[in-house]
Amino acid sequence: MTNEIDFDELISKYKSDPFDYVDVLAVHTGRVSFKVMEGAEVEAASGQWRQIPGTVLYEINRERNPKFISAQTNGTVAEINRELDGQFVEAGEKLMTIKHPLKKKEIIENILKDVLSLFVAPETAKYFFAMDIQSRIDKKGPGAVTIASGDEVLTMSLMKRDTPVYYNGEKGVIHSIYFKPGVSVAQGEPLLGICAADKLSIIQKIITRVKADWDTDH
């Protein structure tokens, strides 16, 4: 398995197209009015507490209750479904796509997601590490914590009920943590990136290679 990773292919993919394409969906049903044009530069919320709002992308009006929706990521508006302007849309309908320029750190994270074993959220909920795992992370750091299938690794908090979540994947160390405790994660989004012991050297090579190959110092 370790020899199947093609460094050159992974790197060249991001060299030729160092962007994420982020779809912006209607937050709920309502009548939509776009506030940006194709090609517009947009900014996400900023400031230490994200108190500076991002660029307003669209207004959605339901029962005479207008809500202004701001960008969650910076970049350029690559595509807008113009025919929806002024129309009534369903929740989750795709309104536009933002082309987000990836920083070196984000490129490394994206490549690692292709290589690591991802443990995803079973339901849309808030997640916390199980007490035993949290205590091991606090003492030694996540990279020193090995988990195996059947281990209780997380607690899922949903509708004021806490449920243990058991890991069901290949044995390995916790290499990447994709959630923040107490912040809701959508079903199917990654929670953890697990690295099998025999892949650790491969992962390190990828990180070193991207840092060396990338021109930008972001």
Protein backbone atom coordinates (compact mmCIF):
# COMPACT_ATOMS: atom_id res chain seq x y z
CA MET A 1 0.00 0.00 0.00
CA THR A 2 2.77 2.46 0.92
CA ASN A 3 4.36 2.16 -2.52
CA GLU A 4 1.10 3.03 -4.26
CA ILE A 5 1.28 6.70 -3.28
CA ASP A 6 2.45 8.70 -6.30
CA PHE A 7 4.10 11.84 -4.90
CA ASP A 8 4.56 13.45 -8.30
CA GLU A 9 0.92 12.98 -9.25
CA LEU A 10 -0.33 14.37 -5.93
CA ILE A 11 1.98 17.39 -6.08
CA SER A 12 1.38 18.15 -9.76
CA LYS A 13 -2.39 18.05 -9.21
CA TYR A 14 -2.11 20.94 -6.76
CA LYS A 15 0.61 22.71 -8.76
CA SER A 16 -1.69 22.90 -11.79
CA ASP A 17 -4.81 23.83 -9.79
CA PRO A 18 -3.95 25.12 -6.29
CA PHE A 19 -7.57 25.91 -5.43
CA ASP A 20 -10.53 24.54 -3.52
CA TYR A 21 -13.93 25.00 -5.15
CA VAL A 22 -16.39 25.73 -2.34
CA ASP A 23 -20.11 25.47 -3.12
CA VAL A 24 -22.33 28.02 -1.35
CA LEU A 25 -25.74 26.53 -0.53
CA ALA A 26 -29.00 28.15 0.56
CA VAL A 27 -29.09 28.08 4.38
CA HIS A 28 -32.86 27.57 4.38
CA THR A 29 -35.87 27.95 2.06
CA GLY A 30 -36.69 31.46 0.91
CA ARG A 31 -36.40 34.02 -1.86
CA VAL A 32 -32.79 34.72 -2.84
CA SER A 33 -31.21 37.99 -3.92
CA PHE A 34 -27.53 37.89 -4.94
CA LYS A 35 -25.20 40.62 -3.65
CA VAL A 36 -22.06 39.71 -5.66
CA MET A 37 -21.17 39.15 -9.32
CA GLU A 38 -19.05 36.47 -10.98
CA GLY A 39 -15.36 37.36 -10.67
CA ALA A 40 -15.85 39.33 -7.44
CA GLU A 41 -13.22 38.94 -4.72
CA VAL A 42 -14.77 37.92 -1.41
CA GLU A 43 -13.40 37.78 2.14
CA ALA A 44 -14.33 35.51 5.03
CA ALA A 45 -14.98 36.87 8.53
CA SER A 46 -11.77 38.05 10.17
CA GLY A 47 -10.40 39.44 13.42
CA GLN A 48 -9.40 37.61 16.58
CA TRP A 49 -13.03 36.77 17.39
CA ARG A 50 -14.16 36.75 13.74
CA GLN A 51 -15.97 39.97 14.67
CA ILE A 52 -15.31 41.61 11.27
CA PRO A 53 -18.02 40.18 9.02
CA GLY A 54 -17.16 38.64 5.67
CA THR A 55 -18.41 39.80 2.25
CA VAL A 56 -22.20 39.51 1.96
CA LEU A 57 -22.94 36.94 -0.77
CA TYR A 58 -26.73 36.88 -0.82
CA GLU A 59 -29.88 37.82 1.02
CA ILE A 60 -32.51 35.16 1.70
CA ASN A 61 -36.01 36.22 2.66
CA ARG A 62 -38.51 33.92 4.34
CA GLU A 63 -41.83 35.21 5.71
CA ARG A 64 -40.58 38.81 5.42
CA ASN A 65 -37.61 37.96 7.57
CA PRO A 66 -34.48 38.84 5.52
CA LYS A 67 -31.13 37.28 6.42
CA PHE A 68 -27.81 38.35 4.95
CA ILE A 69 -25.34 35.49 4.39
CA SER A 70 -21.60 36.24 4.39
CA ALA A 71 -18.68 34.37 2.86
CA GLN A 72 -17.14 31.61 4.98
CA THR A 73 -13.99 31.48 2.84
CA ASN A 74 -11.93 34.01 0.89
CA GLY A 75 -11.46 33.79 -2.86
CA THR A 76 -13.16 34.65 -6.13
CA VAL A 77 -16.78 34.01 -7.13
CA ALA A 78 -16.24 31.47 -9.91
CA GLU A 79 -19.84 30.70 -10.81
CA ILE A 80 -23.32 31.97 -9.90
CA ASN A 81 -26.65 30.28 -10.65
CA ARG A 82 -28.03 33.58 -11.97
CA GLU A 83 -31.40 32.08 -12.90
CA LEU A 84 -32.11 31.73 -9.15
CA ASP A 85 -31.78 35.49 -8.48
CA GLY A 86 -35.11 36.70 -7.11
CA GLN A 87 -36.47 33.14 -7.05
CA PHE A 88 -37.72 30.95 -4.21
CA VAL A 89 -35.17 28.22 -3.42
CA GLU A 90 -35.09 25.13 -1.24
CA ALA A 91 -32.65 24.70 1.66
CA GLY A 92 -29.37 23.23 0.43
CA GLU A 93 -29.77 24.43 -3.18
CA LYS A 94 -26.44 25.40 -4.77
CA LEU A 95 -26.30 29.16 -5.35
CA MET A 96 -22.67 29.83 -6.30
CA THR A 97 -19.11 28.48 -6.17
CA ILE A 98 -16.12 30.26 -4.63
CA LYS A 99 -12.63 29.52 -5.95
CA HIS A 100 -10.43 29.57 -2.85
CA PRO A 101 -6.63 29.85 -3.27
CA LEU A 102 -4.98 27.17 -1.13
CA LYS A 103 -2.14 28.02 1.24
CA LYS A 104 0.75 25.60 1.65
CA LYS A 105 -0.68 24.35 4.97
CA GLU A 106 -4.08 23.68 3.33
CA ILE A 107 -2.42 21.82 0.42
CA ILE A 108 -0.59 19.58 2.90
CA GLU A 109 -3.89 18.95 4.75
CA ASN A 110 -5.71 18.13 1.49
CA ILE A 111 -2.99 15.71 0.35
CA LEU A 112 -2.95 14.06 3.78
CA LYS A 113 -6.72 13.52 3.55
CA ASP A 114 -6.03 11.46 0.41
CA VAL A 115 -3.48 9.33 2.29
CA LEU A 116 -4.74 9.07 5.88
CA SER A 117 -7.55 6.78 7.01
CA LEU A 118 -10.42 9.20 7.73
CA PHE A 119 -12.87 8.60 10.57
CA VAL A 120 -16.02 10.59 9.73
CA ALA A 121 -18.92 11.94 11.78
CA PRO A 122 -21.71 9.33 12.01
CA GLU A 123 -24.29 12.10 12.55
CA THR A 124 -24.47 15.89 12.53
CA ALA A 125 -23.57 16.64 16.15
CA LYS A 126 -20.98 18.08 18.53
CA TYR A 127 -18.02 15.85 19.37
CA PHE A 128 -15.55 15.57 22.25
CA PHE A 129 -12.70 13.16 22.88
CA ALA A 130 -13.45 10.35 25.34
CA MET A 131 -11.89 11.21 28.72
CA ASP A 132 -9.22 8.49 28.47
CA ILE A 133 -8.15 9.63 24.97
CA GLN A 134 -8.18 13.32 25.96
CA SER A 135 -5.95 12.60 28.95
CA ARG A 136 -3.46 10.68 26.73
CA ILE A 137 -3.45 13.55 24.18
CA ASP A 138 -2.86 16.10 26.97
CA LYS A 139 0.10 14.09 28.27
CA LYS A 140 1.82 13.05 25.05
CA GLY A 141 0.15 14.80 22.10
CA PRO A 142 -2.16 13.18 19.51
CA GLY A 143 0.74 11.72 17.48
CA ALA A 144 1.62 9.48 20.43
CA VAL A 145 -1.90 8.10 20.83
CA THR A 146 -2.62 4.81 19.03
CA ILE A 147 -6.21 3.71 18.53
CA ALA A 148 -7.64 0.43 17.21
CA SER A 149 -11.02 -0.73 15.95
CA GLY A 150 -13.50 -1.04 18.81
CA ASP A 151 -11.85 1.64 20.99
CA GLU A 152 -14.14 4.28 22.48
CA VAL A 153 -12.54 7.46 21.10
CA LEU A 154 -15.22 10.15 21.08
CA THR A 155 -18.40 11.28 22.74
CA MET A 156 -21.18 12.50 20.45
CA SER A 157 -23.43 15.18 21.94
CA LEU A 158 -26.81 15.40 20.22
CA MET A 159 -30.12 16.77 21.56
CA LYS A 160 -28.60 17.00 25.06
CA ARG A 161 -27.74 13.29 24.97
CA ASP A 162 -24.14 12.04 25.05
CA THR A 163 -23.35 8.82 23.20
CA PRO A 164 -19.98 7.01 23.04
CA VAL A 165 -18.48 6.69 19.55
CA TYR A 166 -16.31 3.65 18.80
CA TYR A 167 -13.55 3.71 16.21
CA ASN A 168 -13.95 1.31 13.30
CA GLY A 169 -10.88 1.52 11.08
CA GLU A 170 -7.28 0.45 10.73
CA LYS A 171 -5.07 0.67 13.80
CA GLY A 172 -2.84 3.73 13.88
CA VAL A 173 -1.91 7.00 15.55
CA ILE A 174 -4.11 10.12 15.61
CA HIS A 175 -2.26 12.21 13.02
CA SER A 176 -4.85 14.94 12.30
CA ILE A 177 -7.81 16.30 14.27
CA TYR A 178 -10.45 17.97 12.09
CA PHE A 179 -13.02 18.99 14.69
CA LYS A 180 -13.16 21.49 17.54
CA PRO A 181 -14.72 20.17 20.77
CA GLY A 182 -18.27 21.45 21.12
CA VAL A 183 -18.53 22.77 17.55
CA SER A 184 -21.11 21.00 15.37
CA VAL A 185 -19.74 18.74 12.62
CA ALA A 186 -21.89 17.73 9.63
CA GLN A 187 -22.59 14.03 9.06
CA GLY A 188 -19.89 12.48 6.84
CA GLU A 189 -17.31 15.21 7.51
CA PRO A 190 -13.93 13.93 8.81
CA LEU A 191 -13.30 13.97 12.56
CA LEU A 192 -9.88 12.29 12.67
CA GLY A 193 -7.11 11.33 10.27
CA ILE A 194 -5.50 8.07 11.39
CA CYS A 195 -2.05 7.05 10.21
CA ALA A 196 -0.98 3.39 10.27
CA ALA A 197 2.50 2.90 11.75
CA ASP A 198 3.96 1.80 8.41
CA LYS A 199 2.74 5.01 6.73
CA LEU A 200 4.31 7.52 9.14
CA SER A 201 7.51 7.88 7.08
CA ILE A 202 5.44 8.35 3.89
CA ILE A 203 3.40 11.12 5.54
CA GLN A 204 6.59 12.87 6.66
CA LYS A 205 7.96 12.67 3.10
CA ILE A 206 4.80 14.27 1.72
CA ILE A 207 5.00 17.18 4.19
CA THR A 208 8.71 17.71 3.50
CA ARG A 209 8.20 17.47 -0.27
CA VAL A 210 5.34 20.00 -0.37
CA LYS A 211 7.26 22.46 1.81
CA ALA A 212 10.31 22.14 -0.44
CA ASP A 213 8.44 22.22 -3.77
CA TRP A 214 6.03 25.03 -3.05
CA ASP A 215 7.01 28.50 -4.18
CA THR A 216 4.71 30.38 -1.85
CA ASP A 217 5.57 30.92 1.81
CA HIS A 218 2.02 31.14 3.09
